[in-house]
Amino acid sequence: MNKVIILILSLYLVSCNSVDHEGSANINQEIIRLSNYAEKNEYLEMIFDLDQNIRKNNDAELKPDSKAEQAHYHKMDSIDNLNFKRIDLYLKTYGYPERDSVSSKALSAPWIVNSSF
């Protein structure tokens, strides 16, 4: 019985690990495909918009401790985690965006995403 539990846990951990690698590989492909300032600007603005749009949901409409509120915060956490990975890899690859090369929205994306953590 213990061997079965260990086997199931091992398979679960391996499957979780492979999903994370796939997600990281997809983000890596997103970053690599950015070939000019316009694409980098659009990418950073998209991250900014994702971060802010989930927060614009009217919290007054969500009843405290409701399933809808829990789902909303779960979705926000998922977006925050994905955006953090995107910004982290972007900064490692290209460095902080230059003020002259992107919009003010794109320029603030790394800051706004990191402040969510």
Protein backbone atom coordinates (compact mmCIF):
# COMPACT_ATOMS: atom_id res chain seq x y z
CA MET A 1 0.00 0.00 0.00
CA ASN A 2 2.79 2.43 0.90
CA LYS A 3 4.52 1.69 -2.41
CA VAL A 4 1.34 2.59 -4.29
CA ILE A 5 1.04 5.91 -2.46
CA ILE A 6 4.70 6.71 -3.11
CA LEU A 7 4.25 5.81 -6.79
CA ILE A 8 1.17 8.03 -7.11
CA LEU A 9 2.90 10.94 -5.38
CA SER A 10 5.96 10.50 -7.57
CA LEU A 11 3.87 10.54 -10.75
CA TYR A 12 2.02 13.61 -9.54
CA LEU A 13 5.25 15.48 -8.81
CA VAL A 14 6.72 14.55 -12.17
CA SER A 15 3.58 15.66 -14.01
CA CYS A 16 3.52 19.01 -12.15
CA ASN A 17 7.16 19.54 -12.95
CA SER A 18 6.67 18.85 -16.66
CA VAL A 19 3.75 21.29 -16.86
CA ASP A 20 5.92 24.02 -15.36
CA HIS A 21 8.68 23.31 -17.87
CA GLU A 22 6.17 23.51 -20.72
CA GLY A 23 4.90 26.84 -19.42
CA SER A 24 8.44 28.15 -19.09
CA ALA A 25 9.25 26.95 -22.59
CA ASN A 26 6.22 28.81 -23.95
CA ILE A 27 7.25 32.00 -22.18
CA ASN A 28 10.78 31.56 -23.49
CA GLN A 29 9.38 31.31 -27.04
CA GLU A 30 7.29 34.46 -26.47
CA ILE A 31 10.40 36.36 -25.41
CA ILE A 32 12.62 35.07 -28.19
CA ARG A 33 10.08 36.11 -30.85
CA LEU A 34 10.30 39.79 -29.85
CA SER A 35 12.48 41.09 -32.64
CA ASN A 36 12.04 44.87 -32.46
CA TYR A 37 11.08 47.70 -30.12
CA ALA A 38 7.47 47.76 -31.33
CA GLU A 39 6.98 44.08 -30.48
CA LYS A 40 8.70 44.52 -27.11
CA ASN A 41 6.48 47.52 -26.39
CA GLU A 42 3.33 45.59 -27.33
CA TYR A 43 4.42 42.61 -25.18
CA LEU A 44 5.07 44.77 -22.12
CA GLU A 45 1.79 46.65 -22.59
CA MET A 46 -0.05 43.32 -22.82
CA ILE A 47 1.47 42.26 -19.49
CA PHE A 48 0.53 45.60 -17.94
CA ASP A 49 -3.06 45.29 -19.21
CA LEU A 50 -3.42 41.73 -17.92
CA ASP A 51 -2.21 42.85 -14.51
CA GLN A 52 -4.52 45.85 -14.30
CA ASN A 53 -7.63 44.39 -15.94
CA ILE A 54 -7.96 41.62 -13.35
CA ARG A 55 -7.77 44.26 -10.62
CA LYS A 56 -10.44 46.48 -12.21
CA ASN A 57 -13.13 43.93 -11.43
CA ASN A 58 -15.45 45.63 -9.00
CA ASP A 59 -14.69 44.00 -5.64
CA ALA A 60 -17.97 45.39 -4.32
CA GLU A 61 -19.77 42.94 -6.62
CA LEU A 62 -17.99 40.01 -5.01
CA LYS A 63 -19.49 38.76 -1.79
CA PRO A 64 -16.85 38.15 0.89
CA ASP A 65 -15.83 34.50 1.18
CA SER A 66 -18.01 33.53 -1.78
CA LYS A 67 -16.97 31.06 -4.45
CA ALA A 68 -16.91 33.93 -6.95
CA GLU A 69 -14.48 35.88 -4.77
CA GLN A 70 -12.27 32.81 -4.31
CA ALA A 71 -12.29 32.16 -8.06
CA HIS A 72 -11.45 35.80 -8.77
CA TYR A 73 -8.45 35.77 -6.43
CA HIS A 74 -7.31 32.40 -7.76
CA LYS A 75 -7.41 33.83 -11.30
CA MET A 76 -5.54 36.94 -10.12
CA ASP A 77 -2.84 34.79 -8.52
CA SER A 78 -2.48 32.77 -11.72
CA ILE A 79 -2.13 35.92 -13.83
CA ASP A 80 0.33 37.43 -11.33
CA ASN A 81 2.49 34.30 -11.36
CA LEU A 82 2.52 34.09 -15.15
CA ASN A 83 3.25 37.80 -15.52
CA PHE A 84 6.06 37.56 -12.99
CA LYS A 85 7.66 34.75 -15.00
CA ARG A 86 7.23 36.76 -18.21
CA ILE A 87 8.79 39.91 -16.75
CA ASP A 88 11.59 37.98 -15.07
CA LEU A 89 12.61 36.30 -18.32
CA TYR A 90 12.14 39.52 -20.32
CA LEU A 91 14.46 41.42 -17.98
CA LYS A 92 17.04 38.62 -18.02
CA THR A 93 16.97 38.59 -21.82
CA TYR A 94 16.68 42.27 -22.75
CA GLY A 95 17.25 44.21 -19.55
CA TYR A 96 15.01 47.01 -18.35
CA PRO A 97 13.27 48.76 -21.27
CA GLU A 98 14.76 52.07 -22.32
CA ARG A 99 12.57 55.12 -21.83
CA ASP A 100 13.02 56.22 -25.45
CA SER A 101 12.09 52.86 -26.94
CA VAL A 102 8.73 52.04 -25.29
CA SER A 103 5.58 53.76 -24.07
CA SER A 104 5.17 54.87 -20.47
CA LYS A 105 2.74 51.98 -19.96
CA ALA A 106 5.29 49.45 -21.21
CA LEU A 107 8.03 51.12 -19.17
CA SER A 108 6.02 50.69 -15.97
CA ALA A 109 5.05 47.04 -16.62
CA PRO A 110 8.07 45.48 -14.82
CA TRP A 111 7.52 47.72 -11.82
CA ILE A 112 3.77 47.13 -11.60
CA VAL A 113 4.15 43.35 -11.91
CA ASN A 114 6.88 43.15 -9.29
CA SER A 115 4.85 45.29 -6.91
CA SER A 116 2.07 42.68 -7.11
CA PHE A 117 4.27 40.24 -5.22
